[in-house]
Protein backbone atom coordinates (compact mmCIF):
# COMPACT_ATOMS: atom_id res chain seq x y z
CA MET A 1 -8.85 16.70 -29.01
CA THR A 2 -5.28 17.66 -29.83
CA SER A 3 -2.61 15.10 -30.60
CA ASP A 4 -0.93 15.85 -27.23
CA GLN A 5 -4.20 15.18 -25.41
CA PHE A 6 -4.68 11.97 -27.39
CA VAL A 7 -1.16 10.77 -26.54
CA GLY A 8 -1.77 11.64 -22.86
CA LEU A 9 -5.04 9.72 -22.93
CA MET A 10 -3.38 6.69 -24.53
CA VAL A 11 -0.57 6.75 -21.96
CA ASN A 12 -3.19 6.81 -19.17
CA VAL A 13 -5.09 3.93 -20.78
CA VAL A 14 -1.91 1.84 -21.05
CA ILE A 15 -1.01 2.58 -17.43
CA TYR A 16 -4.52 1.69 -16.18
CA VAL A 17 -4.69 -1.51 -18.25
CA GLY A 18 -1.26 -2.50 -16.95
CA LEU A 19 -2.28 -1.82 -13.35
CA ILE A 20 -5.53 -3.75 -13.74
CA GLY A 21 -3.64 -6.67 -15.26
CA PHE A 22 -1.10 -6.65 -12.43
CA VAL A 23 -3.79 -6.50 -9.73
CA LEU A 24 -5.78 -9.32 -11.31
CA TYR A 25 -2.64 -11.43 -11.74
CA ARG A 26 -1.72 -10.94 -8.08
CA GLN A 27 -5.23 -11.67 -6.86
CA MET A 28 -5.44 -14.86 -8.90
CA SER A 29 -2.02 -16.08 -7.75
CA ARG A 30 -1.47 -18.42 -4.82
CA LEU A 31 0.18 -16.22 -2.17
CA PRO A 32 0.83 -16.25 1.56
CA LEU A 33 -1.36 -13.77 3.42
CA ASN A 34 0.75 -10.74 4.28
CA PRO A 35 -0.92 -8.42 6.81
CA ARG A 36 1.35 -5.53 5.79
CA SER A 37 0.28 -5.71 2.15
CA LEU A 38 -3.38 -5.87 3.21
CA VAL A 39 -2.93 -2.41 4.74
CA LEU A 40 -0.22 -0.92 2.54
CA LEU A 41 -1.95 -1.03 -0.85
CA PRO A 42 -5.17 0.75 0.22
CA VAL A 43 -3.18 3.35 2.20
CA VAL A 44 -0.85 4.14 -0.72
CA ILE A 45 -3.75 4.48 -3.14
CA ALA A 46 -5.67 6.62 -0.63
CA VAL A 47 -2.69 8.97 -0.25
CA PHE A 48 -2.58 9.49 -4.02
CA ALA A 49 -6.37 9.98 -4.06
CA VAL A 50 -6.28 12.63 -1.32
CA GLN A 51 -3.39 14.41 -3.04
CA GLN A 52 -5.29 14.43 -6.32
CA LEU A 53 -8.54 15.62 -4.74
CA SER A 54 -6.82 18.31 -2.66
CA ARG A 55 -5.35 19.88 -5.80
CA GLN A 56 -8.79 20.45 -7.26
CA SER A 57 -10.49 23.80 -6.97
CA ILE A 58 -13.93 22.30 -6.75
CA ARG A 59 -16.90 23.44 -4.78
CA PHE A 60 -18.04 20.33 -2.97
CA ASP A 61 -21.76 20.93 -3.32
CA LEU A 62 -24.49 18.43 -2.48
CA GLY A 63 -24.25 16.78 -5.91
CA THR A 64 -20.49 16.25 -5.67
CA VAL A 65 -20.72 14.93 -2.12
CA ALA A 66 -23.58 12.58 -3.09
CA PHE A 67 -21.58 11.39 -6.11
CA LEU A 68 -18.56 10.61 -3.91
CA GLY A 69 -20.73 9.04 -1.20
CA VAL A 70 -22.51 6.66 -3.57
CA SER A 71 -19.20 5.81 -5.23
CA LEU A 72 -17.64 4.93 -1.88
CA ALA A 73 -20.67 2.91 -0.75
CA VAL A 74 -20.59 0.86 -3.97
CA SER A 75 -16.84 0.37 -3.54
CA ILE A 76 -17.22 -0.84 0.04
CA LEU A 77 -19.94 -3.33 -0.87
CA ALA A 78 -18.03 -4.62 -3.89
CA GLY A 79 -14.85 -5.00 -1.84
CA MET A 80 -16.66 -6.86 0.92
CA TRP A 81 -18.19 -9.24 -1.63
CA ARG A 82 -14.86 -9.77 -3.36
CA GLY A 83 -13.21 -10.52 -0.01
CA THR A 84 -15.55 -13.49 0.42
CA THR A 85 -14.59 -14.96 -2.96
CA PHE A 86 -10.99 -15.85 -2.15
CA ARG A 87 -9.99 -19.42 -1.42
CA MET A 88 -8.10 -19.58 1.89
CA TRP A 89 -6.19 -22.42 3.52
CA THR A 90 -3.14 -23.01 5.69
CA GLU A 91 0.18 -24.54 4.70
CA ALA A 92 2.75 -25.17 7.41
CA GLY A 93 0.94 -22.70 9.64
CA VAL A 94 0.86 -19.96 7.00
CA VAL A 95 -2.46 -18.70 5.66
CA MET A 96 -2.53 -18.88 1.87
CA ILE A 97 -5.01 -17.07 -0.40
CA LYS A 98 -5.93 -17.29 -4.04
CA GLY A 99 -8.66 -15.62 -6.04
CA THR A 100 -11.29 -17.76 -7.72
CA ALA A 101 -13.38 -17.45 -10.84
CA VAL A 102 -15.95 -15.65 -8.69
CA THR A 103 -13.25 -13.12 -7.75
CA LEU A 104 -12.89 -12.29 -11.46
CA VAL A 105 -16.68 -12.04 -11.79
CA ALA A 106 -16.75 -9.65 -8.80
CA TRP A 107 -14.13 -7.46 -10.48
CA GLY A 108 -16.13 -7.52 -13.71
CA VAL A 109 -19.30 -6.52 -11.87
CA LEU A 110 -17.46 -3.67 -10.14
CA ILE A 111 -16.13 -2.40 -13.47
CA VAL A 112 -19.61 -2.51 -15.02
CA ILE A 113 -21.08 -0.73 -11.99
CA ARG A 114 -18.32 1.92 -12.15
CA LEU A 115 -19.05 2.83 -15.80
CA PRO A 116 -22.10 4.99 -14.95
CA PHE A 117 -19.88 6.94 -12.52
CA ALA A 118 -17.52 7.76 -15.38
CA PHE A 119 -20.42 8.85 -17.59
CA ALA A 120 -22.00 10.86 -14.76
CA SER A 121 -18.76 12.66 -13.98
CA HIS A 122 -18.38 13.52 -17.67
CA ALA A 123 -22.00 14.73 -17.86
CA ALA A 124 -21.50 16.84 -14.72
CA HIS A 125 -18.39 18.37 -16.30
CA TYR A 126 -16.22 17.42 -13.35
CA PRO A 127 -12.55 18.21 -13.96
CA GLN A 128 -10.31 15.27 -14.81
CA GLY A 129 -8.50 15.66 -11.48
CA LEU A 130 -11.71 15.04 -9.55
CA VAL A 131 -12.55 12.03 -11.72
CA VAL A 132 -9.09 10.52 -11.20
CA GLY A 133 -9.13 11.31 -7.47
CA GLU A 134 -12.59 9.77 -7.08
CA LEU A 135 -11.49 6.62 -8.94
CA LEU A 136 -8.37 6.30 -6.79
CA LEU A 137 -10.39 6.83 -3.61
CA ALA A 138 -12.91 4.21 -4.75
CA LEU A 139 -10.06 1.75 -5.42
CA ALA A 140 -8.52 2.42 -2.01
CA VAL A 141 -11.86 1.84 -0.30
CA THR A 142 -12.69 -1.30 -2.27
CA PHE A 143 -9.27 -2.81 -1.49
CA ALA A 144 -9.61 -1.83 2.18
CA ALA A 145 -13.03 -3.51 2.41
CA GLN A 146 -11.82 -6.60 0.54
CA ASN A 147 -8.73 -6.89 2.72
CA ALA A 148 -10.70 -6.39 5.95
CA VAL A 149 -12.94 -9.31 4.99
CA ILE A 150 -9.91 -11.42 4.06
CA TRP A 151 -8.26 -10.60 7.39
CA LEU A 152 -11.41 -11.48 9.35
CA ARG A 153 -11.80 -14.73 7.43
CA SER A 154 -8.15 -15.63 7.98
CA SER A 155 -8.47 -15.17 11.73
CA ARG A 156 -11.05 -17.96 11.76
CA LEU A 157 -8.71 -20.47 10.14
CA THR A 158 -7.27 -22.85 12.67
CA THR A 159 -4.18 -24.88 12.24
CA ILE A 160 -3.19 -28.07 13.98
CA PRO A 161 0.34 -27.82 15.35
CA ALA A 162 2.76 -30.13 13.51
CA ASP A 163 3.69 -32.06 16.68
CA ILE A 164 0.02 -33.16 17.16
CA GLN A 165 -0.55 -34.43 13.61
């Protein structure tokens, strides 16, 4: 590995650690439920994933398709589980959400489950662009699944109008 490659790798690591920290901070913060952000984050990540994957000159053979399919299935299931771990309540008619300790555990489990995908993609000699695109697509899908569960759960919350209390 050349020094330029090492510096590039370190920059990527710092960016990913920063993003993970930001996401975890936001998910563990007490926030009003914002339907736009539930949709926007997965869509933005998916756009970057599709751009990254479309730039790859890869033959999508059965192994590659299976790899992506299993990755997406795991991401969906993890996101659905994580969506059930958020504490939800209403304040002045506004739905509030906050991650719990179980939310952090769910993230940890997802990270541990994702490690074999990184090793498998390295062993299969997939280009870095495919690996990054697959990771971004998995993140988009896991956030979409999580946010769909949060949205469904929030629709079941009922509030008592202030004039009745």
